[in-house]
Amino acid sequence: MTITITPLQTEALPALQALWDQQLFPDIPARLADALQDAAHDHGRQVVVAWRNDQLAGCAGWVTLGIAHDGCAYAAPVVAIDDDVASHLIQTVMEVVRDLGAQRLRISAYVPEVAKHKALKTLGFTTLFEFFNLALPLPLESASPLPAKLHAVPFAQINWEQARALFAETFADVPNSPIPTVAAIREEWELCDWQAGRVLADRQGEYQAFSLIQANSVEAVGVRSAWRGQNLAATLYRIAAESLVRSGHSELCALVAGSNVASMRFHQKLGFQVVATPRTVYELAIAAEYTGFASSFEKSGTDAGSFGR
């Protein structure tokens, strides 16, 4: 049976979401429409869809932000009806990101995504670490006052070059955290809850810490080295918790890499517990001579390289 790979068509999103929901039940996956059309995926231009005999069979998106930094690209999400479709999607992404200069490709898979696990292992991917979904019941104890030398920067006054520099420094060693462009940072941060989140600056106006909150989830917290060891991250969590309680939320969620020992200990100390099946991160070194496979990739008159950032 022929598998055809095409660019994303937005009308396919509901059926793709239904496929993913079915595969991950009873866990609730993220909304594919948001994940595949965000700034990191160039608003859907870094996404392909798989069809088998004109029947929808899966999709794959890719993120190229890390290539310039460390040669690593990411394929996410990858949704496939079986391991054959998963293999075609993954190899299509491998071709695209290799042409953009990627030396490595990382892909994650939840426990129930059996077909994806099988395809990744068959293609030679090896496991790196696991991501854990954590949750903490609310309310928490009241937040301590911010240090006198720090103040919150109103969202409308954020300097986006400084915000990107802050993210780049504080997330330099965090697994699977490619550094976004200034435009992507601004677009992604605009979606966050700025009653719960903060950007903190010192008296000289230099940014020292931040927290990003979406819905009731901690998307990121970063503290520069000069301010570590002063419970500033815990204070940011408690500020977020107080705001979320006022909004009617009963728990605070976070996603942490098991390999990030310091972060896991921090969250456990606050009282977070694992609440869902882990997600395994795989990696493959992309050989320069990799030439792909026999598949039908309908480019609709567009060069494959244009799907990358």
Protein backbone atom coordinates (compact mmCIF):
# COMPACT_ATOMS: atom_id res chain seq x y z
CA MET A 1 0.00 0.00 0.00
CA THR A 2 1.34 3.42 -1.00
CA ILE A 3 2.18 5.99 1.66
CA THR A 4 2.14 9.58 0.45
CA ILE A 5 3.61 12.50 2.39
CA THR A 6 2.13 15.98 1.85
CA PRO A 7 2.31 19.39 3.54
CA LEU A 8 -0.15 20.09 6.35
CA GLN A 9 -3.73 20.87 5.41
CA THR A 10 -5.57 22.44 8.34
CA GLU A 11 -8.78 20.54 7.55
CA ALA A 12 -6.92 17.34 8.52
CA LEU A 13 -6.30 18.54 12.10
CA PRO A 14 -9.54 17.23 13.71
CA ALA A 15 -8.98 13.71 12.37
CA LEU A 16 -5.32 13.78 13.45
CA GLN A 17 -6.36 14.91 16.93
CA ALA A 18 -8.88 12.06 17.13
CA LEU A 19 -6.16 9.57 16.15
CA TRP A 20 -3.81 10.88 18.83
CA ASP A 21 -6.56 10.95 21.46
CA GLN A 22 -7.34 7.32 20.74
CA GLN A 23 -3.70 6.25 20.96
CA LEU A 24 -2.99 8.02 24.25
CA PHE A 25 -6.25 7.31 26.10
CA PRO A 26 -6.74 7.72 29.06
CA ASP A 27 -3.96 10.35 29.08
CA ILE A 28 -5.03 13.67 27.55
CA PRO A 29 -2.61 14.88 24.84
CA ALA A 30 -2.06 18.50 23.90
CA ARG A 31 -4.05 20.12 21.12
CA LEU A 32 -2.32 19.29 17.85
CA ALA A 33 -3.68 22.45 16.23
CA ASP A 34 -1.68 24.51 18.73
CA ALA A 35 1.43 22.32 18.72
CA LEU A 36 1.72 22.08 14.93
CA GLN A 37 0.95 25.71 14.13
CA ASP A 38 3.07 27.52 16.71
CA ALA A 39 6.10 29.69 16.01
CA ALA A 40 8.55 26.82 16.52
CA HIS A 41 6.85 24.94 13.65
CA ASP A 42 6.74 28.08 11.50
CA HIS A 43 2.94 28.17 11.86
CA GLY A 44 2.41 24.79 10.21
CA ARG A 45 5.00 25.07 7.45
CA GLN A 46 7.28 22.65 9.29
CA VAL A 47 4.69 19.86 9.30
CA VAL A 48 3.88 16.98 6.95
CA VAL A 49 0.92 14.61 6.82
CA ALA A 50 0.93 10.92 5.85
CA TRP A 51 -1.77 9.32 3.70
CA ARG A 52 -2.20 5.62 2.90
CA ASN A 53 -4.34 5.00 -0.18
CA ASP A 54 -5.92 8.44 0.32
CA GLN A 55 -6.72 7.70 3.98
CA LEU A 56 -5.24 9.93 6.68
CA ALA A 57 -2.54 7.98 8.53
CA GLY A 58 -0.47 10.42 10.61
CA CYS A 59 1.58 13.60 10.79
CA ALA A 60 4.98 14.90 11.90
CA GLY A 61 6.28 18.33 12.79
CA TRP A 62 9.86 19.44 13.28
CA VAL A 63 11.70 22.17 15.15
CA THR A 64 15.02 23.48 13.84
CA LEU A 65 15.82 26.12 16.48
CA GLY A 66 18.59 23.99 18.00
CA ILE A 67 20.52 23.30 14.80
CA ALA A 68 22.63 26.46 14.88
CA HIS A 69 23.33 26.02 18.60
CA ASP A 70 24.30 22.35 18.85
CA GLY A 71 23.30 20.64 15.61
CA CYS A 72 20.17 19.09 17.11
CA ALA A 73 16.73 19.10 15.48
CA TYR A 74 13.51 17.84 17.01
CA ALA A 75 10.57 15.97 15.48
CA ALA A 76 7.41 16.61 17.45
CA PRO A 77 4.64 15.77 17.50
CA VAL A 78 4.80 12.54 15.46
CA VAL A 79 1.44 10.76 15.23
CA ALA A 80 1.12 7.56 13.17
CA ILE A 81 -1.46 4.84 12.73
CA ASP A 82 1.25 2.12 12.66
CA ASP A 83 5.03 1.66 12.62
CA ASP A 84 5.26 1.70 8.81
CA VAL A 85 3.67 5.15 8.66
CA ALA A 86 5.79 6.30 11.61
CA SER A 87 8.96 5.19 9.78
CA HIS A 88 8.01 7.11 6.63
CA LEU A 89 7.22 10.26 8.59
CA ILE A 90 10.42 10.08 10.65
CA GLN A 91 12.60 9.49 7.60
CA THR A 92 10.95 12.39 5.79
CA VAL A 93 11.83 14.65 8.69
CA MET A 94 15.37 13.24 8.74
CA GLU A 95 15.84 14.27 5.10
CA VAL A 96 14.55 17.79 5.69
CA VAL A 97 16.56 18.56 8.84
CA ARG A 98 19.72 16.96 7.45
CA ASP A 99 19.54 19.32 4.48
CA LEU A 100 19.26 22.19 6.99
CA GLY A 101 22.48 21.12 8.71
CA ALA A 102 21.19 18.96 11.57
CA GLN A 103 23.62 16.37 12.92
CA ARG A 104 21.20 14.80 15.38
CA LEU A 105 17.45 14.28 15.58
CA ARG A 106 15.44 13.81 18.79
CA ILE A 107 11.93 12.39 19.01
CA SER A 108 9.86 11.56 22.07
CA ALA A 109 7.19 8.88 22.53
CA TYR A 110 4.64 8.18 25.25
CA VAL A 111 4.33 4.63 26.59
CA PRO A 112 1.08 3.86 24.66
CA GLU A 113 2.62 4.94 21.33
CA VAL A 114 3.78 1.41 20.57
CA ALA A 115 4.07 1.90 16.81
CA LYS A 116 6.30 4.95 17.24
CA HIS A 117 8.57 3.17 19.72
CA LYS A 118 8.93 0.26 17.27
CA ALA A 119 9.73 2.54 14.32
CA LEU A 120 12.32 4.52 16.29
CA LYS A 121 14.14 1.40 17.43
CA THR A 122 14.06 -0.09 13.93
CA LEU A 123 15.59 3.10 12.51
CA GLY A 124 18.43 2.97 15.04
CA PHE A 125 17.35 5.62 17.55
CA THR A 126 18.58 5.13 21.11
CA THR A 127 16.97 6.28 24.36
CA LEU A 128 18.36 9.32 26.21
CA PHE A 129 16.02 10.06 29.14
CA GLU A 130 12.37 10.33 30.14
CA PHE A 131 10.09 13.30 30.72
CA PHE A 132 7.77 13.11 33.73
CA ASN A 133 4.43 14.87 34.12
CA LEU A 134 4.20 16.24 37.66
CA ALA A 135 1.35 17.83 39.60
CA LEU A 136 0.99 19.60 42.93
CA PRO A 137 -2.33 20.22 44.74
CA LEU A 138 -3.22 23.85 45.42
CA PRO A 139 -3.20 26.05 47.43
CA LEU A 140 0.41 26.34 48.59
CA GLU A 141 1.76 28.35 51.47
CA SER A 142 1.90 32.07 50.77
CA ALA A 143 4.75 33.37 48.64
CA SER A 144 7.60 35.22 50.29
CA PRO A 145 8.07 38.84 49.17
CA LEU A 146 10.39 39.31 46.21
CA PRO A 147 13.91 40.44 47.09
CA ALA A 148 14.11 44.21 47.45
CA LYS A 149 16.60 44.45 44.59
CA LEU A 150 14.20 42.84 42.09
CA HIS A 151 10.97 44.07 40.55
CA ALA A 152 8.46 42.65 38.10
CA VAL A 153 8.57 43.97 34.53
CA PRO A 154 5.08 44.62 33.07
CA PHE A 155 4.45 42.47 30.03
CA ALA A 156 3.95 45.51 27.78
CA GLN A 157 7.43 46.76 28.74
CA ILE A 158 9.41 43.54 28.20
CA ASN A 159 12.60 44.01 26.18
CA TRP A 160 12.50 40.95 23.93
CA GLU A 161 16.23 40.85 23.21
CA GLN A 162 16.84 40.74 26.98
CA ALA A 163 14.12 38.11 27.41
CA ARG A 164 15.75 35.85 24.84
CA ALA A 165 19.18 36.33 26.45
CA LEU A 166 17.70 35.43 29.84
CA PHE A 167 16.10 32.28 28.44
CA ALA A 168 19.28 31.31 26.58
CA GLU A 169 21.44 31.62 29.68
CA THR A 170 19.13 29.91 32.15
CA PHE A 171 18.19 27.06 29.78
CA ALA A 172 21.64 26.48 28.28
CA ASP A 173 21.96 23.05 29.94
CA VAL A 174 18.29 22.03 30.07
CA PRO A 175 17.50 18.94 27.93
CA ASN A 176 15.36 19.42 24.82
CA SER A 177 15.20 23.20 25.16
CA PRO A 178 16.38 24.82 21.91
CA ILE A 179 16.69 28.59 22.15
CA PRO A 180 13.87 30.35 20.24
CA THR A 181 14.37 33.42 18.09
CA VAL A 182 13.34 36.80 19.48
CA ALA A 183 10.17 36.70 17.38
CA ALA A 184 9.31 33.19 18.58
CA ILE A 185 9.96 34.12 22.21
CA ARG A 186 7.60 37.07 21.93
CA GLU A 187 4.88 35.06 20.22
CA GLU A 188 5.08 32.20 22.72
CA TRP A 189 5.24 34.45 25.78
CA GLU A 190 2.21 36.43 24.59
CA LEU A 191 0.16 33.26 25.11
CA CYS A 192 1.15 32.98 28.77
CA ASP A 193 -0.73 34.04 31.90
CA TRP A 194 0.96 37.23 33.11
CA GLN A 195 -1.11 37.40 36.26
CA ALA A 196 0.66 34.18 37.30
CA GLY A 197 4.00 34.55 35.49
CA ARG A 198 6.77 37.09 35.98
CA VAL A 199 9.85 38.63 34.41
CA LEU A 200 12.10 40.00 37.16
CA ALA A 201 14.71 42.71 36.66
CA ASP A 202 17.28 44.21 39.03
CA ARG A 203 17.71 47.92 39.78
CA GLN A 204 19.88 48.34 36.70
CA GLY A 205 17.13 46.91 34.52
CA GLU A 206 18.95 43.64 33.82
CA TYR A 207 16.64 40.63 33.66
CA GLN A 208 17.47 38.03 36.32
CA ALA A 209 14.58 35.53 36.43
CA PHE A 210 11.30 34.59 34.78
CA SER A 211 8.37 32.20 35.02
CA LEU A 212 6.02 31.20 32.21
CA ILE A 213 2.57 29.85 33.07
CA GLN A 214 -0.04 28.55 30.62
CA ALA A 215 -3.41 27.38 31.93
CA ASN A 216 -2.32 25.69 35.18
CA SER A 217 1.04 24.48 33.89
CA VAL A 218 4.55 25.78 34.52
CA GLU A 219 6.03 26.02 31.04
CA ALA A 220 9.43 27.34 32.18
CA VAL A 221 11.18 28.94 35.12
CA GLY A 222 14.67 30.38 34.82
CA VAL A 223 16.93 32.05 37.38
CA ARG A 224 20.35 33.49 36.60
CA SER A 225 23.27 32.07 38.56
CA ALA A 226 23.75 35.17 40.73
CA TRP A 227 20.28 34.68 42.21
CA ARG A 228 20.30 30.92 42.68
CA GLY A 229 20.27 29.47 46.17
CA GLN A 230 17.90 32.20 47.43
CA ASN A 231 14.59 30.32 46.93
CA LEU A 232 13.67 32.65 44.07
CA ALA A 233 12.34 29.81 41.90
CA ALA A 234 10.16 28.59 44.77
CA THR A 235 8.84 32.12 45.24
CA LEU A 236 7.93 32.32 41.55
CA TYR A 237 6.06 29.00 41.86
CA ARG A 238 4.13 30.25 44.88
CA ILE A 239 3.26 33.54 43.15
CA ALA A 240 1.90 31.49 40.25
CA ALA A 241 0.00 29.20 42.62
CA GLU A 242 -1.71 32.13 44.36
CA SER A 243 -2.89 33.52 41.03
CA LEU A 244 -4.10 30.12 39.81
CA VAL A 245 -6.11 29.55 42.99
CA ARG A 246 -7.85 32.88 42.41
CA SER A 247 -8.66 31.65 38.89
CA GLY A 248 -10.22 28.46 40.26
CA HIS A 249 -7.44 25.96 39.61
CA SER A 250 -6.84 23.13 42.08
CA GLU A 251 -3.42 21.92 40.95
CA LEU A 252 -0.17 23.13 39.42
CA CYS A 253 1.47 21.01 36.70
CA ALA A 254 5.00 20.76 35.34
CA LEU A 255 7.02 18.66 32.89
CA VAL A 256 10.54 17.71 33.99
CA ALA A 257 13.28 15.61 32.40
CA GLY A 258 14.36 12.72 34.60
CA SER A 259 17.96 13.47 33.65
CA ASN A 260 17.63 16.96 35.16
CA VAL A 261 18.35 15.80 38.70
CA ALA A 262 18.38 19.27 40.25
CA SER A 263 14.99 20.14 38.77
CA MET A 264 13.46 16.83 39.85
CA ARG A 265 14.69 17.37 43.41
CA PHE A 266 13.37 20.92 43.43
CA HIS A 267 9.91 19.85 42.31
CA GLN A 268 9.80 16.91 44.72
CA LYS A 269 10.79 19.23 47.58
CA LEU A 270 7.83 21.46 46.71
CA GLY A 271 5.56 18.41 46.82
CA PHE A 272 5.10 17.58 43.13
CA GLN A 273 4.33 13.95 42.26
CA VAL A 274 4.33 11.99 39.00
CA VAL A 275 0.76 11.84 37.66
CA ALA A 276 0.99 10.32 34.15
CA THR A 277 2.99 7.85 32.11
CA PRO A 278 6.48 9.12 31.23
CA ARG A 279 7.60 10.14 27.77
CA THR A 280 10.84 8.63 26.42
CA VAL A 281 13.22 10.82 24.39
CA TYR A 282 15.16 9.09 21.59
CA GLU A 283 18.08 10.39 19.53
CA LEU A 284 19.77 9.43 16.26
CA ALA A 285 22.96 10.79 14.71
CA ILE A 286 22.17 11.75 11.12
CA ALA A 287 24.86 10.58 8.73
CA ALA A 288 25.90 13.12 6.12
CA GLU A 289 25.51 10.47 3.41
CA TYR A 290 21.95 9.60 4.45
CA THR A 291 19.90 9.50 1.24
CA GLY A 292 16.45 8.67 2.49
CA PHE A 293 14.11 5.97 1.27
CA ALA A 294 11.65 5.11 -1.45
CA SER A 295 8.51 7.10 -0.67
CA SER A 296 6.08 9.38 -2.41
CA PHE A 297 6.58 12.92 -1.07
CA GLU A 298 4.17 15.32 -2.78
CA LYS A 299 5.86 18.70 -2.55
CA SER A 300 3.13 20.67 -4.29
CA GLY A 301 5.74 22.60 -6.25
CA THR A 302 7.65 23.50 -3.08
CA ASP A 303 11.27 22.61 -2.45
CA ALA A 304 11.61 20.31 0.58
CA GLY A 305 14.08 22.67 2.17
CA SER A 306 11.44 25.36 2.44
CA PHE A 307 9.63 23.31 5.05
CA GLY A 308 12.47 24.09 7.46
CA ARG A 309 13.12 27.31 9.27
